[in-house]
Amino acid sequence: MKMNDAVFGELEFNGYDWIGYKNMEFFGTEVRVAVIVSGEDEEQFEAGQYGAYNFLIEKWDQLQQSILKAILDYYKQERYELGYEVEPNETYPLIETATQLLKQITLVGIFVPDNDLINLFDIGLTFDCTWDMENGLGICLKKGEVMQVGYQDVVL
């Protein structure tokens, strides 16, 4: 089943969620991201979903810096907890700057939860990352504030 939503664009229902694709700029690089909107096949989205998505798109240029800082903090903490400060590991190289970090991550998805999750977060972002190809990286945002950073499954 397919539909064309005025806000989310062309979407296809996969049995669980609605999925479409959008080109976005992330720190000067255009990437194609999956837009996943939680919802039933009745094609009716909630006002909160539109609001959260529109907020993300409108504030995207400003939000990128705080998102990148949160990822860098998370990465440094993960590296420390795994002991790679002492015993170097080529999978988890020393990354100290945003520029170094940008070479290791790729924005791949935007998840818009329904009202069941909207109290926890209103937008999820997923990234592929070189240090954990299997689990990737996920960020939960609420009104533009980073609430949680972890594996992709924190979002989905």
N, C-alpha and C. Protein backbone atom coordinates (compact mmCIF):
# COMPACT_ATOMS: atom_id res chain seq x y z
N MET A 1 0.84 -1.18 0.00
CA MET A 1 0.00 0.00 0.00
C MET A 1 0.89 1.25 0.00
N LYS A 2 0.55 2.20 -0.84
CA LYS A 2 1.33 3.44 -0.96
C LYS A 2 0.43 4.63 -0.74
N MET A 3 1.06 5.75 -0.37
CA MET A 3 0.34 7.01 -0.28
C MET A 3 1.32 8.15 -0.46
N ASN A 4 0.78 9.31 -0.74
CA ASN A 4 1.59 10.51 -0.85
C ASN A 4 1.07 11.49 0.20
N ASP A 5 1.85 11.67 1.27
CA ASP A 5 1.46 12.54 2.37
C ASP A 5 2.02 13.94 2.12
N ALA A 6 1.25 14.96 2.44
CA ALA A 6 1.66 16.35 2.19
C ALA A 6 2.94 16.72 2.93
N VAL A 7 3.18 16.14 4.10
CA VAL A 7 4.36 16.47 4.90
C VAL A 7 5.48 15.46 4.70
N PHE A 8 5.18 14.17 4.80
CA PHE A 8 6.20 13.12 4.75
C PHE A 8 6.57 12.69 3.34
N GLY A 9 5.74 13.05 2.37
CA GLY A 9 6.04 12.67 0.99
C GLY A 9 5.50 11.29 0.65
N GLU A 10 6.09 10.67 -0.35
CA GLU A 10 5.65 9.36 -0.81
C GLU A 10 6.10 8.29 0.18
N LEU A 11 5.13 7.52 0.66
CA LEU A 11 5.39 6.49 1.66
C LEU A 11 4.79 5.16 1.22
N GLU A 12 5.40 4.09 1.72
CA GLU A 12 4.88 2.75 1.47
C GLU A 12 4.75 2.02 2.80
N PHE A 13 3.64 1.34 3.01
CA PHE A 13 3.40 0.62 4.26
C PHE A 13 4.05 -0.75 4.17
N ASN A 14 4.87 -1.09 5.19
CA ASN A 14 5.58 -2.37 5.18
C ASN A 14 4.96 -3.40 6.12
N GLY A 15 3.77 -3.13 6.64
CA GLY A 15 3.13 -4.04 7.58
C GLY A 15 3.25 -3.56 9.01
N TYR A 16 4.22 -2.67 9.27
CA TYR A 16 4.46 -2.13 10.61
C TYR A 16 4.47 -0.61 10.62
N ASP A 17 5.18 -0.05 9.67
CA ASP A 17 5.40 1.40 9.59
C ASP A 17 5.28 1.85 8.14
N TRP A 18 5.24 3.17 7.98
CA TRP A 18 5.27 3.78 6.66
C TRP A 18 6.71 4.22 6.38
N ILE A 19 7.22 3.91 5.20
CA ILE A 19 8.62 4.22 4.87
C ILE A 19 8.69 4.97 3.55
N GLY A 20 9.48 6.04 3.57
CA GLY A 20 9.76 6.81 2.37
C GLY A 20 11.22 7.24 2.40
N TYR A 21 11.64 8.01 1.43
CA TYR A 21 13.03 8.46 1.37
C TYR A 21 13.09 9.95 1.07
N LYS A 22 14.12 10.58 1.61
CA LYS A 22 14.28 12.02 1.47
C LYS A 22 15.77 12.32 1.37
N ASN A 23 16.13 13.27 0.54
CA ASN A 23 17.51 13.74 0.50
C ASN A 23 17.65 14.88 1.50
N MET A 24 18.69 14.78 2.33
CA MET A 24 18.96 15.81 3.35
C MET A 24 20.43 16.15 3.33
N GLU A 25 20.73 17.33 3.80
CA GLU A 25 22.12 17.71 3.94
C GLU A 25 22.54 17.51 5.38
N PHE A 26 23.66 16.82 5.57
CA PHE A 26 24.22 16.62 6.91
C PHE A 26 25.67 17.10 6.87
N PHE A 27 25.92 18.26 7.47
CA PHE A 27 27.22 18.90 7.47
C PHE A 27 27.81 19.01 6.07
N GLY A 28 27.00 19.53 5.15
CA GLY A 28 27.49 19.83 3.81
C GLY A 28 27.48 18.66 2.85
N THR A 29 27.10 17.48 3.31
CA THR A 29 27.03 16.31 2.44
C THR A 29 25.58 15.90 2.28
N GLU A 30 25.14 15.76 1.05
CA GLU A 30 23.76 15.32 0.82
C GLU A 30 23.69 13.80 0.98
N VAL A 31 22.74 13.36 1.80
CA VAL A 31 22.54 11.93 2.04
C VAL A 31 21.08 11.57 1.79
N ARG A 32 20.86 10.35 1.38
CA ARG A 32 19.49 9.84 1.19
C ARG A 32 19.13 9.08 2.46
N VAL A 33 18.09 9.54 3.13
CA VAL A 33 17.69 8.93 4.39
C VAL A 33 16.31 8.30 4.27
N ALA A 34 16.12 7.23 5.01
CA ALA A 34 14.81 6.61 5.11
C ALA A 34 14.00 7.41 6.12
N VAL A 35 12.77 7.73 5.78
CA VAL A 35 11.85 8.39 6.71
C VAL A 35 10.84 7.32 7.11
N ILE A 36 10.87 6.94 8.38
CA ILE A 36 10.00 5.88 8.89
C ILE A 36 8.99 6.52 9.83
N VAL A 37 7.72 6.41 9.49
CA VAL A 37 6.66 7.02 10.28
C VAL A 37 5.81 5.90 10.87
N SER A 38 5.77 5.85 12.19
CA SER A 38 4.98 4.83 12.86
C SER A 38 3.51 5.09 12.65
N GLY A 39 2.78 4.05 12.25
CA GLY A 39 1.36 4.22 12.02
C GLY A 39 0.72 2.98 11.45
N GLU A 40 -0.56 2.94 11.53
CA GLU A 40 -1.34 1.82 11.01
C GLU A 40 -1.59 2.03 9.52
N ASP A 41 -2.16 1.04 8.90
CA ASP A 41 -2.39 1.15 7.46
C ASP A 41 -3.60 2.01 7.10
N GLU A 42 -4.25 2.61 8.11
CA GLU A 42 -5.38 3.50 7.81
C GLU A 42 -4.95 4.85 7.26
N GLU A 43 -3.64 5.09 7.19
CA GLU A 43 -3.10 6.32 6.58
C GLU A 43 -3.40 7.59 7.35
N GLN A 44 -3.68 7.50 8.64
CA GLN A 44 -3.98 8.69 9.43
C GLN A 44 -2.83 8.92 10.43
N PHE A 45 -2.06 9.99 10.25
CA PHE A 45 -0.98 10.28 11.19
C PHE A 45 -1.47 11.25 12.25
N GLU A 46 -0.75 11.31 13.36
CA GLU A 46 -1.14 12.15 14.49
C GLU A 46 -0.51 13.54 14.36
N ALA A 47 -1.19 14.53 14.91
CA ALA A 47 -0.70 15.92 14.85
C ALA A 47 0.70 16.03 15.44
N GLY A 48 0.96 15.30 16.52
CA GLY A 48 2.28 15.32 17.16
C GLY A 48 3.38 14.83 16.24
N GLN A 49 3.05 13.87 15.39
CA GLN A 49 4.05 13.35 14.45
C GLN A 49 4.41 14.43 13.42
N TYR A 50 3.40 15.10 12.89
CA TYR A 50 3.67 16.19 11.94
C TYR A 50 4.46 17.31 12.61
N GLY A 51 4.07 17.65 13.83
CA GLY A 51 4.75 18.73 14.56
C GLY A 51 6.21 18.42 14.81
N ALA A 52 6.49 17.20 15.26
CA ALA A 52 7.87 16.81 15.56
C ALA A 52 8.73 16.79 14.30
N TYR A 53 8.19 16.24 13.22
CA TYR A 53 8.93 16.16 11.97
C TYR A 53 9.17 17.56 11.40
N ASN A 54 8.15 18.40 11.39
CA ASN A 54 8.31 19.76 10.88
C ASN A 54 9.33 20.54 11.70
N PHE A 55 9.32 20.34 13.04
CA PHE A 55 10.29 21.01 13.91
C PHE A 55 11.71 20.58 13.52
N LEU A 56 11.90 19.27 13.33
CA LEU A 56 13.22 18.77 12.94
C LEU A 56 13.69 19.39 11.64
N ILE A 57 12.83 19.41 10.64
CA ILE A 57 13.21 19.95 9.33
C ILE A 57 13.50 21.45 9.43
N GLU A 58 12.66 22.19 10.14
CA GLU A 58 12.85 23.65 10.27
C GLU A 58 14.12 24.00 11.03
N LYS A 59 14.46 23.22 12.04
CA LYS A 59 15.61 23.52 12.90
C LYS A 59 16.85 22.70 12.56
N TRP A 60 16.80 21.96 11.46
CA TRP A 60 17.86 21.01 11.13
C TRP A 60 19.25 21.63 11.14
N ASP A 61 19.41 22.80 10.54
CA ASP A 61 20.74 23.43 10.48
C ASP A 61 21.29 23.69 11.88
N GLN A 62 20.44 24.14 12.81
CA GLN A 62 20.88 24.42 14.17
C GLN A 62 21.10 23.14 14.99
N LEU A 63 20.28 22.13 14.76
CA LEU A 63 20.33 20.90 15.55
C LEU A 63 21.56 20.05 15.25
N GLN A 64 22.11 20.16 14.07
CA GLN A 64 23.22 19.29 13.69
C GLN A 64 24.40 19.39 14.65
N GLN A 65 24.72 20.59 15.12
CA GLN A 65 25.86 20.75 16.04
C GLN A 65 25.64 19.99 17.35
N SER A 66 24.46 20.13 17.95
CA SER A 66 24.21 19.45 19.23
C SER A 66 24.15 17.94 19.04
N ILE A 67 23.63 17.49 17.90
CA ILE A 67 23.60 16.06 17.60
C ILE A 67 25.01 15.52 17.49
N LEU A 68 25.86 16.23 16.76
CA LEU A 68 27.25 15.78 16.59
C LEU A 68 28.00 15.78 17.92
N LYS A 69 27.78 16.78 18.74
CA LYS A 69 28.43 16.83 20.05
C LYS A 69 28.00 15.64 20.91
N ALA A 70 26.71 15.32 20.89
CA ALA A 70 26.20 14.19 21.67
C ALA A 70 26.81 12.88 21.19
N ILE A 71 26.97 12.72 19.88
CA ILE A 71 27.58 11.50 19.34
C ILE A 71 29.04 11.42 19.76
N LEU A 72 29.75 12.54 19.67
CA LEU A 72 31.16 12.56 20.06
C LEU A 72 31.32 12.22 21.54
N ASP A 73 30.49 12.78 22.40
CA ASP A 73 30.54 12.46 23.83
C ASP A 73 30.25 10.98 24.06
N TYR A 74 29.25 10.46 23.37
CA TYR A 74 28.89 9.05 23.49
C TYR A 74 30.06 8.17 23.04
N TYR A 75 30.66 8.49 21.91
CA TYR A 75 31.77 7.71 21.38
C TYR A 75 32.94 7.69 22.35
N LYS A 76 33.29 8.85 22.88
CA LYS A 76 34.41 8.93 23.83
C LYS A 76 34.12 8.08 25.06
N GLN A 77 32.88 8.12 25.56
CA GLN A 77 32.50 7.34 26.73
C GLN A 77 32.55 5.84 26.42
N GLU A 78 32.03 5.44 25.28
CA GLU A 78 32.06 4.02 24.88
C GLU A 78 33.50 3.53 24.78
N ARG A 79 34.33 4.32 24.14
CA ARG A 79 35.74 3.95 23.95
C ARG A 79 36.43 3.79 25.30
N TYR A 80 36.13 4.70 26.21
CA TYR A 80 36.71 4.65 27.55
C TYR A 80 36.23 3.39 28.29
N GLU A 81 34.90 3.13 28.26
CA GLU A 81 34.34 1.99 28.97
C GLU A 81 34.86 0.66 28.43
N LEU A 82 35.18 0.62 27.14
CA LEU A 82 35.72 -0.60 26.54
C LEU A 82 37.22 -0.76 26.78
N GLY A 83 37.84 0.25 27.39
CA GLY A 83 39.26 0.17 27.73
C GLY A 83 40.19 0.53 26.59
N TYR A 84 39.66 1.15 25.54
CA TYR A 84 40.49 1.47 24.38
C TYR A 84 41.33 2.73 24.57
N GLU A 85 41.15 3.42 25.70
CA GLU A 85 42.04 4.53 26.04
C GLU A 85 43.42 3.97 26.37
N VAL A 86 43.43 2.78 27.00
CA VAL A 86 44.67 2.14 27.45
C VAL A 86 45.20 1.18 26.39
N GLU A 87 44.31 0.33 25.90
CA GLU A 87 44.67 -0.68 24.91
C GLU A 87 44.03 -0.30 23.58
N PRO A 88 44.77 0.35 22.68
CA PRO A 88 44.19 0.81 21.42
C PRO A 88 43.52 -0.31 20.62
N ASN A 89 42.46 0.05 19.89
CA ASN A 89 41.72 -0.88 19.06
C ASN A 89 41.44 -0.17 17.75
N GLU A 90 41.79 -0.80 16.63
CA GLU A 90 41.63 -0.11 15.34
C GLU A 90 40.17 0.10 14.96
N THR A 91 39.25 -0.67 15.53
CA THR A 91 37.83 -0.47 15.27
C THR A 91 37.34 0.81 15.93
N TYR A 92 37.91 1.13 17.09
CA TYR A 92 37.55 2.33 17.85
C TYR A 92 38.74 3.29 17.88
N PRO A 93 39.04 3.97 16.76
CA PRO A 93 40.20 4.87 16.74
C PRO A 93 39.97 6.08 17.66
N LEU A 94 41.06 6.73 18.01
CA LEU A 94 40.97 7.95 18.80
C LEU A 94 40.30 9.02 17.94
N ILE A 95 39.17 9.51 18.40
CA ILE A 95 38.44 10.58 17.70
C ILE A 95 38.23 11.69 18.72
N GLU A 96 38.76 12.86 18.40
CA GLU A 96 38.67 13.97 19.35
C GLU A 96 37.92 15.18 18.79
N THR A 97 37.69 15.21 17.48
CA THR A 97 37.04 16.38 16.89
C THR A 97 35.81 15.96 16.07
N ALA A 98 34.93 16.92 15.86
CA ALA A 98 33.74 16.70 15.05
C ALA A 98 34.13 16.32 13.62
N THR A 99 35.17 16.94 13.10
CA THR A 99 35.61 16.64 11.73
C THR A 99 36.04 15.18 11.61
N GLN A 100 36.78 14.70 12.60
CA GLN A 100 37.18 13.28 12.59
C GLN A 100 35.95 12.37 12.69
N LEU A 101 35.00 12.75 13.52
CA LEU A 101 33.80 11.95 13.73
C LEU A 101 32.96 11.86 12.45
N LEU A 102 32.84 12.96 11.72
CA LEU A 102 32.02 12.99 10.51
C LEU A 102 32.50 11.98 9.47
N LYS A 103 33.78 11.61 9.52
CA LYS A 103 34.32 10.62 8.58
C LYS A 103 33.90 9.21 8.97
N GLN A 104 33.36 9.05 10.18
CA GLN A 104 33.04 7.72 10.71
C GLN A 104 31.54 7.42 10.76
N ILE A 105 30.69 8.42 10.49
CA ILE A 105 29.24 8.22 10.61
C ILE A 105 28.51 8.66 9.34
N THR A 106 27.35 8.05 9.09
CA THR A 106 26.48 8.42 7.98
C THR A 106 25.04 8.42 8.47
N LEU A 107 24.35 9.52 8.29
CA LEU A 107 22.94 9.60 8.64
C LEU A 107 22.17 8.71 7.67
N VAL A 108 21.35 7.78 8.21
CA VAL A 108 20.62 6.87 7.32
C VAL A 108 19.11 6.88 7.54
N GLY A 109 18.64 7.40 8.69
CA GLY A 109 17.20 7.35 8.90
C GLY A 109 16.66 8.36 9.88
N ILE A 110 15.37 8.67 9.68
CA ILE A 110 14.59 9.50 10.60
C ILE A 110 13.38 8.66 10.99
N PHE A 111 13.19 8.48 12.28
CA PHE A 111 12.04 7.72 12.76
C PHE A 111 11.09 8.66 13.49
N VAL A 112 9.82 8.63 13.10
CA VAL A 112 8.80 9.47 13.72
C VAL A 112 7.84 8.53 14.47
N PRO A 113 7.97 8.46 15.81
CA PRO A 113 7.13 7.54 16.57
C PRO A 113 5.69 8.01 16.66
N ASP A 114 4.80 7.10 17.05
CA ASP A 114 3.42 7.48 17.29
C ASP A 114 3.27 7.92 18.75
N ASN A 115 2.05 8.16 19.18
CA ASN A 115 1.81 8.67 20.54
C ASN A 115 2.24 7.72 21.64
N ASP A 116 2.44 6.43 21.34
CA ASP A 116 2.90 5.49 22.36
C ASP A 116 4.29 5.85 22.87
N LEU A 117 5.12 6.39 22.01
CA LEU A 117 6.50 6.73 22.39
C LEU A 117 6.76 8.22 22.50
N ILE A 118 5.82 9.03 22.09
CA ILE A 118 6.06 10.46 21.96
C ILE A 118 6.43 11.13 23.30
N ASN A 119 6.06 10.51 24.43
CA ASN A 119 6.46 11.06 25.72
C ASN A 119 7.94 10.83 26.00
N LEU A 120 8.52 9.79 25.41
CA LEU A 120 9.94 9.50 25.58
C LEU A 120 10.80 10.30 24.60
N PHE A 121 10.38 10.30 23.36
CA PHE A 121 11.09 11.06 22.32
C PHE A 121 10.13 11.30 21.17
N ASP A 122 10.38 12.37 20.41
CA ASP A 122 9.47 12.66 19.30
C ASP A 122 10.11 12.47 17.93
N ILE A 123 11.44 12.31 17.90
CA ILE A 123 12.15 12.01 16.65
C ILE A 123 13.34 11.12 16.99
N GLY A 124 13.56 10.14 16.16
CA GLY A 124 14.76 9.32 16.29
C GLY A 124 15.59 9.44 15.03
N LEU A 125 16.88 9.48 15.19
CA LEU A 125 17.79 9.52 14.05
C LEU A 125 18.66 8.28 14.10
N THR A 126 18.88 7.64 12.96
CA THR A 126 19.76 6.49 12.92
C THR A 126 20.94 6.77 12.00
N PHE A 127 22.07 6.23 12.41
CA PHE A 127 23.32 6.41 11.68
C PHE A 127 24.00 5.07 11.50
N ASP A 128 24.71 4.92 10.40
CA ASP A 128 25.69 3.86 10.27
C ASP A 128 26.97 4.44 10.82
N CYS A 129 27.77 3.59 11.49
CA CYS A 129 29.04 4.07 12.02
C CYS A 129 30.11 3.00 11.81
N THR A 130 31.32 3.42 11.59
CA THR A 130 32.40 2.50 11.26
C THR A 130 32.79 1.61 12.43
N TRP A 131 32.56 2.07 13.65
CA TRP A 131 33.02 1.28 14.81
C TRP A 131 32.04 0.19 15.23
N ASP A 132 30.81 0.23 14.75
CA ASP A 132 29.85 -0.81 15.10
C ASP A 132 28.85 -0.97 13.94
N MET A 133 29.31 -1.68 12.91
CA MET A 133 28.50 -1.84 11.70
C MET A 133 27.20 -2.60 11.98
N GLU A 134 27.23 -3.52 12.94
CA GLU A 134 26.07 -4.35 13.22
C GLU A 134 24.96 -3.58 13.93
N ASN A 135 25.31 -2.82 14.96
CA ASN A 135 24.30 -2.14 15.77
C ASN A 135 24.04 -0.69 15.38
N GLY A 136 24.97 -0.09 14.67
CA GLY A 136 24.81 1.29 14.28
C GLY A 136 24.70 2.23 15.47
N LEU A 137 24.08 3.37 15.23
CA LEU A 137 23.99 4.42 16.23
C LEU A 137 22.61 5.04 16.14
N GLY A 138 22.00 5.29 17.28
CA GLY A 138 20.68 5.91 17.31
C GLY A 138 20.65 7.07 18.28
N ILE A 139 19.87 8.08 17.95
CA ILE A 139 19.71 9.25 18.81
C ILE A 139 18.24 9.55 18.95
N CYS A 140 17.79 9.72 20.18
CA CYS A 140 16.41 10.11 20.46
C CYS A 140 16.38 11.60 20.79
N LEU A 141 15.51 12.34 20.12
CA LEU A 141 15.35 13.77 20.35
C LEU A 141 13.94 14.06 20.85
N LYS A 142 13.84 15.05 21.70
CA LYS A 142 12.53 15.54 22.11
C LYS A 142 12.59 17.06 22.04
N LYS A 143 11.78 17.63 21.17
CA LYS A 143 11.79 19.08 20.92
C LYS A 143 13.21 19.59 20.64
N GLY A 144 13.98 18.80 19.91
CA GLY A 144 15.32 19.19 19.50
C GLY A 144 16.41 18.90 20.51
N GLU A 145 16.05 18.48 21.72
CA GLU A 145 17.05 18.15 22.75
C GLU A 145 17.41 16.67 22.64
N VAL A 146 18.69 16.37 22.73
CA VAL A 146 19.13 14.97 22.69
C VAL A 146 18.77 14.33 24.03
N MET A 147 17.94 13.28 23.96
CA MET A 147 17.50 12.57 25.16
C MET A 147 18.34 11.33 25.42
N GLN A 148 18.77 10.66 24.34
CA GLN A 148 19.50 9.41 24.48
C GLN A 148 20.32 9.15 23.23
N VAL A 149 21.51 8.57 23.44
CA VAL A 149 22.35 8.12 22.34
C VAL A 149 22.71 6.68 22.64
N GLY A 150 22.64 5.82 21.66
CA GLY A 150 22.98 4.42 21.86
C GLY A 150 23.00 3.70 20.53
N TYR A 151 22.76 2.38 20.58
CA TYR A 151 22.63 1.61 19.36
C TYR A 151 21.36 2.06 18.62
N GLN A 152 21.24 1.69 17.35
CA GLN A 152 20.07 2.07 16.57
C GLN A 152 18.76 1.62 17.22
N ASP A 153 18.80 0.53 17.97
CA ASP A 153 17.55 0.02 18.53
C ASP A 153 16.95 0.91 19.63
N VAL A 154 17.68 1.92 20.11
CA VAL A 154 17.07 2.87 21.06
C VAL A 154 15.99 3.69 20.35
N VAL A 155 16.08 3.75 19.03
CA VAL A 155 15.15 4.54 18.23
C VAL A 155 14.00 3.69 17.70
N LEU A 156 14.31 2.52 17.22
CA LEU A 156 13.32 1.71 16.51
C LEU A 156 12.58 0.73 17.40
